[in-house]
Amino acid sequence: MNWVISELIYLVGAFLLAFVGIGFILLPVIGVLGIVFPIISALKANGGETWEYPFSIQFFSLADAHSDDAWE
């Protein structure tokens, strides 16, 4: 979920930067990363490993999901 929120923020920023030119370079790069990163993550998960997405802003942590009072 961290990557999805981060990617959305990066896409909005790249869209705004498209008005000055550099966003046209960033938009395809973010699009490719949006495809490649989940594939890498799935391959790692299939091997029993955990993988943190690079460039991902940590809104949620794994410790938050496993705390005893997470559902209270």
C-alpha atoms as a PDB file:
ATOM      1  CA  MET A   1       0.000   0.000   0.000  1.00  0.00           C
ATOM      2  CA  ASN A   2       2.926   2.322   0.679  1.00  0.00           C
ATOM      3  CA  TRP A   3       4.067   2.020  -2.928  1.00  0.00           C
ATOM      4  CA  VAL A   4       0.602   2.703  -4.361  1.00  0.00           C
ATOM      5  CA  ILE A   5       0.223   5.907  -2.348  1.00  0.00           C
ATOM      6  CA  SER A   6       3.807   6.953  -3.138  1.00  0.00           C
ATOM      7  CA  GLU A   7       3.314   6.265  -6.839  1.00  0.00           C
ATOM      8  CA  LEU A   8       0.153   8.376  -6.864  1.00  0.00           C
ATOM      9  CA  ILE A   9       2.033  11.264  -5.248  1.00  0.00           C
ATOM     10  CA  TYR A  10       4.883  10.897  -7.756  1.00  0.00           C
ATOM     11  CA  LEU A  11       2.423  10.823 -10.685  1.00  0.00           C
ATOM     12  CA  VAL A  12       0.690  14.005  -9.521  1.00  0.00           C
ATOM     13  CA  GLY A  13       4.080  15.690  -9.119  1.00  0.00           C
ATOM     14  CA  ALA A  14       5.229  14.528 -12.552  1.00  0.00           C
ATOM     15  CA  PHE A  15       1.967  15.717 -14.093  1.00  0.00           C
ATOM     16  CA  LEU A  16       2.489  19.156 -12.581  1.00  0.00           C
ATOM     17  CA  LEU A  17       6.102  19.159 -13.758  1.00  0.00           C
ATOM     18  CA  ALA A  18       4.924  18.304 -17.264  1.00  0.00           C
ATOM     19  CA  PHE A  19       3.980  21.948 -17.639  1.00  0.00           C
ATOM     20  CA  VAL A  20       7.676  22.853 -17.430  1.00  0.00           C
ATOM     21  CA  GLY A  21       8.865  19.927 -19.541  1.00  0.00           C
ATOM     22  CA  ILE A  22      10.600  17.501 -17.188  1.00  0.00           C
ATOM     23  CA  GLY A  23       7.359  15.712 -16.291  1.00  0.00           C
ATOM     24  CA  PHE A  24       7.180  14.178 -19.764  1.00  0.00           C
ATOM     25  CA  ILE A  25      10.324  12.230 -18.898  1.00  0.00           C
ATOM     26  CA  LEU A  26       9.163  11.274 -15.406  1.00  0.00           C
ATOM     27  CA  LEU A  27       5.677  10.024 -16.333  1.00  0.00           C
ATOM     28  CA  PRO A  28       6.872   7.028 -18.410  1.00  0.00           C
ATOM     29  CA  VAL A  29       9.565   6.201 -15.848  1.00  0.00           C
ATOM     30  CA  ILE A  30       6.996   6.093 -13.040  1.00  0.00           C
ATOM     31  CA  GLY A  31       4.706   4.003 -15.261  1.00  0.00           C
ATOM     32  CA  VAL A  32       7.430   1.438 -15.920  1.00  0.00           C
ATOM     33  CA  LEU A  33       8.328   1.285 -12.229  1.00  0.00           C
ATOM     34  CA  GLY A  34       4.640   0.740 -11.458  1.00  0.00           C
ATOM     35  CA  ILE A  35       4.821  -2.447 -13.540  1.00  0.00           C
ATOM     36  CA  VAL A  36       8.336  -3.662 -12.694  1.00  0.00           C
ATOM     37  CA  PHE A  37       8.281  -3.203  -8.910  1.00  0.00           C
ATOM     38  CA  PRO A  38       5.194  -5.384  -8.298  1.00  0.00           C
ATOM     39  CA  ILE A  39       6.679  -8.129 -10.495  1.00  0.00           C
ATOM     40  CA  ILE A  40       9.921  -8.078  -8.507  1.00  0.00           C
ATOM     41  CA  SER A  41       7.932  -8.084  -5.274  1.00  0.00           C
ATOM     42  CA  ALA A  42       5.849 -11.062  -6.408  1.00  0.00           C
ATOM     43  CA  LEU A  43       8.966 -13.031  -7.368  1.00  0.00           C
ATOM     44  CA  LYS A  44      10.549 -12.285  -3.989  1.00  0.00           C
ATOM     45  CA  ALA A  45       7.340 -13.243  -2.142  1.00  0.00           C
ATOM     46  CA  ASN A  46       7.202 -16.499  -4.096  1.00  0.00           C
ATOM     47  CA  GLY A  47      10.682 -17.255  -2.772  1.00  0.00           C
ATOM     48  CA  GLY A  48       9.627 -16.498   0.797  1.00  0.00           C
ATOM     49  CA  GLU A  49      11.470 -13.177   1.013  1.00  0.00           C
ATOM     50  CA  THR A  50      10.153  -9.754   1.902  1.00  0.00           C
ATOM     51  CA  TRP A  51      11.064  -6.814  -0.290  1.00  0.00           C
ATOM     52  CA  GLU A  52      10.589  -3.133   0.385  1.00  0.00           C
ATOM     53  CA  TYR A  53       9.875  -1.027  -2.658  1.00  0.00           C
ATOM     54  CA  PRO A  54      12.603   1.514  -3.398  1.00  0.00           C
ATOM     55  CA  PHE A  55      11.433   5.157  -3.413  1.00  0.00           C
ATOM     56  CA  SER A  56       8.432   4.180  -1.292  1.00  0.00           C
ATOM     57  CA  ILE A  57       7.326   6.577   1.436  1.00  0.00           C
ATOM     58  CA  GLN A  58       6.587   4.627   4.614  1.00  0.00           C
ATOM     59  CA  PHE A  59       3.022   5.578   5.525  1.00  0.00           C
ATOM     60  CA  PHE A  60       2.353   2.205   7.138  1.00  0.00           C
ATOM     61  CA  SER A  61       4.826  -0.202   8.704  1.00  0.00           C
ATOM     62  CA  LEU A  62       4.673  -3.963   9.080  1.00  0.00           C
ATOM     63  CA  ALA A  63       4.813  -3.509  12.853  1.00  0.00           C
ATOM     64  CA  ASP A  64       1.562  -1.523  12.694  1.00  0.00           C
ATOM     65  CA  ALA A  65      -0.222  -4.429  11.031  1.00  0.00           C
ATOM     66  CA  HIS A  66       1.001  -6.983  13.582  1.00  0.00           C
ATOM     67  CA  SER A  67       0.440  -5.052  16.788  1.00  0.00           C
ATOM     68  CA  ASP A  68      -1.970  -6.503  19.338  1.00  0.00           C
ATOM     69  CA  ASP A  69      -4.231  -3.471  19.346  1.00  0.00           C
ATOM     70  CA  ALA A  70      -4.424  -3.103  15.549  1.00  0.00           C
ATOM     71  CA  TRP A  71      -8.056  -4.230  15.470  1.00  0.00           C
ATOM     72  CA  GLU A  72      -9.272  -2.434  18.582  1.00  0.00           C
END
